[in-house]
Amino acid sequence: MIEMSREAFEDLVGEALDTVPAELAAQMRNVVVVVEDDAPERGLLGLYQGVPLTERGDWYGAVLPDHISIYRQEILRICDTEEQVVEEVRITVIHEIAHHFGIDDRRLHDLGY
């Protein structure tokens, strides 16, 4: 396990978000991304909670923002180097954003995420 301050970890999440192509980022309205220290279960690196874009219909409106959590301690627990943390944060952020776009875990794993 590697040690990293919350501030440094949040910076990595911000950097990962900055790599999202502008045309995709423009579609991410009503989404909040947060860093949480502890995951609700061991091994969970991130979590998307919301209604994917592919499932939204005319009924969608006046709802709370979709919520993406990135779990700091779980990511740090599985990494041995800062470089591994950077890569795992990037993969986790992309993975959770993909859920917002309606891509399921099976397809993400096929794509390497």
Protein backbone atom coordinates (compact mmCIF):
# COMPACT_ATOMS: atom_id res chain seq x y z
CA MET A 1 0.00 0.00 0.00
CA ILE A 2 1.22 3.46 -0.86
CA GLU A 3 0.56 6.61 1.15
CA MET A 4 -0.78 9.74 -0.55
CA SER A 5 -2.47 12.81 0.81
CA ARG A 6 -6.11 13.39 0.04
CA GLU A 7 -5.19 16.62 -1.76
CA ALA A 8 -2.67 14.86 -4.03
CA PHE A 9 -5.20 12.10 -4.74
CA GLU A 10 -7.92 14.63 -5.57
CA ASP A 11 -5.48 16.29 -7.98
CA LEU A 12 -5.03 12.94 -9.74
CA VAL A 13 -8.80 12.57 -10.08
CA GLY A 14 -8.97 16.08 -11.53
CA GLU A 15 -6.19 15.26 -13.99
CA ALA A 16 -8.02 12.09 -15.04
CA LEU A 17 -11.20 14.09 -15.59
CA ASP A 18 -9.24 16.55 -17.73
CA THR A 19 -8.37 13.70 -20.13
CA VAL A 20 -12.04 13.10 -20.99
CA PRO A 21 -12.54 14.28 -24.58
CA ALA A 22 -14.41 17.60 -24.75
CA GLU A 23 -17.28 16.14 -26.80
CA LEU A 24 -17.92 13.55 -24.07
CA ALA A 25 -17.41 15.98 -21.19
CA ALA A 26 -20.05 18.23 -22.75
CA GLN A 27 -22.57 15.39 -22.35
CA MET A 28 -21.81 15.05 -18.63
CA ARG A 29 -24.38 17.44 -17.26
CA ASN A 30 -25.85 16.95 -13.81
CA VAL A 31 -22.96 14.70 -12.68
CA VAL A 32 -20.85 15.15 -9.57
CA VAL A 33 -17.51 13.37 -9.05
CA VAL A 34 -16.24 13.04 -5.48
CA VAL A 35 -13.33 11.42 -3.69
CA GLU A 36 -14.32 9.41 -0.67
CA ASP A 37 -11.79 7.91 1.71
CA ASP A 38 -13.52 4.60 2.37
CA ALA A 39 -15.49 2.33 0.06
CA PRO A 40 -18.72 0.69 1.24
CA GLU A 41 -17.12 -2.67 0.51
CA ARG A 42 -13.58 -3.95 0.16
CA GLY A 43 -12.27 -4.02 -3.37
CA LEU A 44 -14.64 -1.35 -4.72
CA LEU A 45 -12.53 1.34 -6.37
CA GLY A 46 -15.32 3.52 -7.72
CA LEU A 47 -19.10 3.66 -7.96
CA TYR A 48 -21.55 5.29 -10.35
CA GLN A 49 -24.99 6.03 -8.96
CA GLY A 50 -27.52 7.57 -11.26
CA VAL A 51 -29.49 7.12 -14.45
CA PRO A 52 -27.27 6.38 -17.47
CA LEU A 53 -27.82 8.57 -20.51
CA THR A 54 -29.04 5.52 -22.44
CA GLU A 55 -31.90 5.02 -19.97
CA ARG A 56 -33.14 8.59 -19.77
CA GLY A 57 -36.42 9.46 -21.38
CA ASP A 58 -38.95 12.25 -21.45
CA TRP A 59 -39.57 11.64 -17.76
CA TYR A 60 -36.00 12.62 -16.83
CA GLY A 61 -35.89 16.02 -15.19
CA ALA A 62 -35.65 17.73 -11.83
CA VAL A 63 -33.55 14.89 -10.42
CA LEU A 64 -30.52 14.91 -8.17
CA PRO A 65 -27.16 14.79 -9.96
CA ASP A 66 -25.64 11.47 -10.90
CA HIS A 67 -22.91 10.66 -8.40
CA ILE A 68 -19.50 9.17 -9.12
CA SER A 69 -17.43 8.18 -6.10
CA ILE A 70 -13.71 7.38 -6.34
CA TYR A 71 -12.50 5.49 -3.26
CA ARG A 72 -9.06 6.71 -2.20
CA GLN A 73 -8.11 4.09 0.39
CA GLU A 74 -9.08 1.14 -1.83
CA ILE A 75 -7.03 2.43 -4.74
CA LEU A 76 -4.05 3.17 -2.49
CA ARG A 77 -4.39 -0.29 -0.90
CA ILE A 78 -3.87 -2.10 -4.21
CA CYS A 79 -0.97 0.06 -5.45
CA ASP A 80 2.73 -0.13 -4.64
CA THR A 81 3.94 2.95 -6.52
CA GLU A 82 2.71 6.44 -7.31
CA GLU A 83 2.73 5.51 -11.00
CA GLN A 84 0.31 2.66 -10.27
CA VAL A 85 -1.96 5.07 -8.38
CA VAL A 86 -2.00 7.49 -11.33
CA GLU A 87 -2.94 4.67 -13.71
CA GLU A 88 -5.56 3.14 -11.41
CA VAL A 89 -7.21 6.51 -10.80
CA ARG A 90 -7.33 7.11 -14.56
CA ILE A 91 -8.85 3.69 -15.25
CA THR A 92 -11.37 4.01 -12.41
CA VAL A 93 -12.50 7.49 -13.44
CA ILE A 94 -12.97 6.38 -17.06
CA HIS A 95 -14.75 3.21 -15.92
CA GLU A 96 -17.29 5.13 -13.83
CA ILE A 97 -17.83 7.79 -16.48
CA ALA A 98 -18.50 5.01 -18.98
CA HIS A 99 -21.34 3.80 -16.74
CA HIS A 100 -22.85 7.29 -17.05
CA PHE A 101 -22.88 6.71 -20.82
CA GLY A 102 -24.58 3.33 -20.38
CA ILE A 103 -21.59 1.03 -20.88
CA ASP A 104 -21.83 -2.04 -18.64
CA ASP A 105 -19.04 -3.82 -16.74
CA ARG A 106 -18.75 -6.69 -19.23
CA ARG A 107 -18.10 -4.33 -22.14
CA LEU A 108 -15.71 -2.24 -20.05
CA HIS A 109 -13.69 -5.32 -19.11
CA ASP A 110 -13.58 -6.29 -22.81
CA LEU A 111 -12.14 -2.83 -23.48
CA GLY A 112 -9.55 -3.14 -20.70
CA TYR A 113 -11.29 -1.04 -18.07
